[in-house]
């Protein structure tokens, strides 16, 4: 799973001057994943909509979101033969250069299945 985030994820996506170019680059990147057979799915998180629950002093506190520099804008589920291969795919995501963002690469463990070997 590729987790896309960063400080500029929300504010740059809403910028009318660069939004069309960003959409075009993301669609081309996703199409490349599809063409290579690596695309499984992707999900954009609604901006500023949701809740984060934490327990402080025995109370459940509703909100706030994490710091904007750590904000998650969406996820991409891909099929890659190794962590290194997934990292190379993540390097080409427009989030890095267009949104000053970060990409986190994680291995998905399906509940009840054996854990994959680390690569």
C-alpha atoms as a PDB file:
ATOM      1  CA  UNK A   1       0.000   0.000   0.000  1.00  0.00           C
ATOM      2  CA  UNK A   2       1.261   3.463  -0.867  1.00  0.00           C
ATOM      3  CA  UNK A   3       0.135   6.184   1.515  1.00  0.00           C
ATOM      4  CA  UNK A   4       0.230   9.682   0.008  1.00  0.00           C
ATOM      5  CA  UNK A   5       0.389  12.698   2.271  1.00  0.00           C
ATOM      6  CA  UNK A   6       2.078  15.922   3.224  1.00  0.00           C
ATOM      7  CA  UNK A   7       1.517  19.535   4.150  1.00  0.00           C
ATOM      8  CA  UNK A   8       0.424  20.691   0.693  1.00  0.00           C
ATOM      9  CA  UNK A   9      -1.915  17.814  -0.159  1.00  0.00           C
ATOM     10  CA  UNK A  10      -5.151  19.711   0.544  1.00  0.00           C
ATOM     11  CA  UNK A  11      -4.196  23.275  -0.348  1.00  0.00           C
ATOM     12  CA  UNK A  12      -2.447  22.486  -3.638  1.00  0.00           C
ATOM     13  CA  UNK A  13      -5.216  20.132  -4.803  1.00  0.00           C
ATOM     14  CA  UNK A  14      -7.667  23.005  -4.466  1.00  0.00           C
ATOM     15  CA  UNK A  15      -5.485  25.474  -6.378  1.00  0.00           C
ATOM     16  CA  UNK A  16      -7.402  26.186  -9.631  1.00  0.00           C
ATOM     17  CA  UNK A  17      -4.172  27.066 -11.464  1.00  0.00           C
ATOM     18  CA  UNK A  18      -2.509  23.683 -10.988  1.00  0.00           C
ATOM     19  CA  UNK A  19      -5.446  21.345 -10.235  1.00  0.00           C
ATOM     20  CA  UNK A  20      -6.025  20.347 -13.919  1.00  0.00           C
ATOM     21  CA  UNK A  21      -2.320  19.540 -14.405  1.00  0.00           C
ATOM     22  CA  UNK A  22      -2.258  17.571 -11.139  1.00  0.00           C
ATOM     23  CA  UNK A  23      -5.319  15.558 -12.159  1.00  0.00           C
ATOM     24  CA  UNK A  24      -3.748  14.820 -15.549  1.00  0.00           C
ATOM     25  CA  UNK A  25      -0.472  13.650 -13.954  1.00  0.00           C
ATOM     26  CA  UNK A  26      -2.258  11.451 -11.384  1.00  0.00           C
ATOM     27  CA  UNK A  27      -4.487   9.887 -14.035  1.00  0.00           C
ATOM     28  CA  UNK A  28      -1.453   9.143 -16.232  1.00  0.00           C
ATOM     29  CA  UNK A  29       0.404   7.638 -13.236  1.00  0.00           C
ATOM     30  CA  UNK A  30      -2.586   5.458 -12.314  1.00  0.00           C
ATOM     31  CA  UNK A  31      -3.040   4.404 -15.957  1.00  0.00           C
ATOM     32  CA  UNK A  32       0.616   3.343 -15.994  1.00  0.00           C
ATOM     33  CA  UNK A  33      -0.034   1.191 -12.924  1.00  0.00           C
ATOM     34  CA  UNK A  34      -3.086  -0.326 -14.632  1.00  0.00           C
ATOM     35  CA  UNK A  35      -1.191  -0.981 -17.857  1.00  0.00           C
ATOM     36  CA  UNK A  36       1.559  -2.780 -15.924  1.00  0.00           C
ATOM     37  CA  UNK A  37      -0.977  -4.904 -14.025  1.00  0.00           C
ATOM     38  CA  UNK A  38       0.112  -3.454 -10.662  1.00  0.00           C
ATOM     39  CA  UNK A  39      -2.986  -1.376  -9.868  1.00  0.00           C
ATOM     40  CA  UNK A  40      -5.344  -2.889  -7.291  1.00  0.00           C
ATOM     41  CA  UNK A  41      -7.232   0.216  -6.117  1.00  0.00           C
ATOM     42  CA  UNK A  42      -6.976   3.773  -4.843  1.00  0.00           C
ATOM     43  CA  UNK A  43      -8.910   5.873  -2.371  1.00  0.00           C
ATOM     44  CA  UNK A  44      -8.821   9.634  -1.780  1.00  0.00           C
ATOM     45  CA  UNK A  45      -9.725  10.722   1.701  1.00  0.00           C
ATOM     46  CA  UNK A  46     -12.248  13.519   2.037  1.00  0.00           C
ATOM     47  CA  UNK A  47     -10.440  16.716   2.957  1.00  0.00           C
ATOM     48  CA  UNK A  48     -11.004  17.811   6.557  1.00  0.00           C
ATOM     49  CA  UNK A  49     -13.839  15.310   7.063  1.00  0.00           C
ATOM     50  CA  UNK A  50     -13.496  12.601   9.669  1.00  0.00           C
ATOM     51  CA  UNK A  51     -12.595  12.019  13.283  1.00  0.00           C
ATOM     52  CA  UNK A  52      -9.560  10.943  15.212  1.00  0.00           C
ATOM     53  CA  UNK A  53     -10.234   9.355  18.559  1.00  0.00           C
ATOM     54  CA  UNK A  54      -7.660   9.205  21.312  1.00  0.00           C
ATOM     55  CA  UNK A  55      -7.911   8.385  24.977  1.00  0.00           C
ATOM     56  CA  UNK A  56      -6.588  11.029  27.353  1.00  0.00           C
ATOM     57  CA  UNK A  57      -7.108  10.778  31.060  1.00  0.00           C
ATOM     58  CA  UNK A  58      -9.798   8.139  30.630  1.00  0.00           C
ATOM     59  CA  UNK A  59     -11.837  10.261  28.189  1.00  0.00           C
ATOM     60  CA  UNK A  60     -12.251   9.739  24.473  1.00  0.00           C
ATOM     61  CA  UNK A  61     -11.376  12.995  22.719  1.00  0.00           C
ATOM     62  CA  UNK A  62     -12.927  13.622  19.285  1.00  0.00           C
ATOM     63  CA  UNK A  63     -10.273  15.304  17.095  1.00  0.00           C
ATOM     64  CA  UNK A  64      -8.190  17.132  16.089  1.00  0.00           C
ATOM     65  CA  UNK A  65      -6.540  15.767  12.960  1.00  0.00           C
ATOM     66  CA  UNK A  66      -2.826  15.129  12.916  1.00  0.00           C
ATOM     67  CA  UNK A  67      -0.411  17.919  12.044  1.00  0.00           C
ATOM     68  CA  UNK A  68      -0.868  19.025   8.442  1.00  0.00           C
ATOM     69  CA  UNK A  69       2.699  18.001   7.541  1.00  0.00           C
ATOM     70  CA  UNK A  70       1.654  14.436   8.351  1.00  0.00           C
ATOM     71  CA  UNK A  71      -1.816  14.592   6.748  1.00  0.00           C
ATOM     72  CA  UNK A  72      -2.820  11.625   4.618  1.00  0.00           C
ATOM     73  CA  UNK A  73      -4.565  12.509   1.363  1.00  0.00           C
ATOM     74  CA  UNK A  74      -5.175   9.015   0.051  1.00  0.00           C
ATOM     75  CA  UNK A  75      -3.905   5.512  -0.492  1.00  0.00           C
ATOM     76  CA  UNK A  76      -3.009   3.361  -3.470  1.00  0.00           C
ATOM     77  CA  UNK A  77      -3.094  -0.411  -3.257  1.00  0.00           C
ATOM     78  CA  UNK A  78      -0.642  -1.952  -5.703  1.00  0.00           C
ATOM     79  CA  UNK A  79       0.782  -5.354  -6.504  1.00  0.00           C
ATOM     80  CA  UNK A  80       4.578  -5.427  -6.330  1.00  0.00           C
ATOM     81  CA  UNK A  81       7.018  -8.304  -6.062  1.00  0.00           C
ATOM     82  CA  UNK A  82       9.037  -6.676  -3.277  1.00  0.00           C
ATOM     83  CA  UNK A  83       9.262  -3.684  -0.970  1.00  0.00           C
ATOM     84  CA  UNK A  84      12.018  -2.306  -3.201  1.00  0.00           C
ATOM     85  CA  UNK A  85       9.790  -2.591  -6.291  1.00  0.00           C
ATOM     86  CA  UNK A  86       6.926  -0.852  -4.460  1.00  0.00           C
ATOM     87  CA  UNK A  87       9.327   1.904  -3.382  1.00  0.00           C
ATOM     88  CA  UNK A  88      10.345   2.512  -6.997  1.00  0.00           C
ATOM     89  CA  UNK A  89       6.684   2.807  -7.979  1.00  0.00           C
ATOM     90  CA  UNK A  90       6.097   5.266  -5.112  1.00  0.00           C
ATOM     91  CA  UNK A  91       9.026   7.417  -6.310  1.00  0.00           C
ATOM     92  CA  UNK A  92       7.125   8.206  -9.502  1.00  0.00           C
ATOM     93  CA  UNK A  93       3.932   9.391  -7.757  1.00  0.00           C
ATOM     94  CA  UNK A  94       3.046  13.024  -8.559  1.00  0.00           C
ATOM     95  CA  UNK A  95       2.465  13.655  -4.843  1.00  0.00           C
ATOM     96  CA  UNK A  96       6.211  13.989  -4.314  1.00  0.00           C
ATOM     97  CA  UNK A  97       6.973  16.761  -6.781  1.00  0.00           C
ATOM     98  CA  UNK A  98       3.574  18.408  -7.297  1.00  0.00           C
ATOM     99  CA  UNK A  99       2.411  18.542  -3.707  1.00  0.00           C
ATOM    100  CA  UNK A 100       5.648  18.613  -1.716  1.00  0.00           C
ATOM    101  CA  UNK A 101       4.316  15.445  -0.139  1.00  0.00           C
ATOM    102  CA  UNK A 102       5.561  12.133   1.118  1.00  0.00           C
ATOM    103  CA  UNK A 103       4.899   8.551   0.125  1.00  0.00           C
ATOM    104  CA  UNK A 104       4.887   5.814   2.726  1.00  0.00           C
ATOM    105  CA  UNK A 105       5.265   2.261   1.441  1.00  0.00           C
ATOM    106  CA  UNK A 106       3.696  -0.459   3.585  1.00  0.00           C
ATOM    107  CA  UNK A 107       3.127  -4.175   3.184  1.00  0.00           C
ATOM    108  CA  UNK A 108      -0.497  -5.189   3.643  1.00  0.00           C
ATOM    109  CA  UNK A 109      -1.028  -8.197   5.849  1.00  0.00           C
ATOM    110  CA  UNK A 110      -4.332  -9.914   5.217  1.00  0.00           C
ATOM    111  CA  UNK A 111      -5.833 -11.020   8.529  1.00  0.00           C
ATOM    112  CA  UNK A 112      -5.566 -14.788   8.936  1.00  0.00           C
ATOM    113  CA  UNK A 113      -2.891 -15.254   6.276  1.00  0.00           C
ATOM    114  CA  UNK A 114       0.789 -15.943   6.749  1.00  0.00           C
ATOM    115  CA  UNK A 115       2.932 -12.827   6.890  1.00  0.00           C
ATOM    116  CA  UNK A 116       4.972 -12.185   3.712  1.00  0.00           C
ATOM    117  CA  UNK A 117       8.759 -12.412   3.850  1.00  0.00           C
ATOM    118  CA  UNK A 118      10.576  -9.058   4.074  1.00  0.00           C
ATOM    119  CA  UNK A 119      12.485  -8.035   0.947  1.00  0.00           C
END
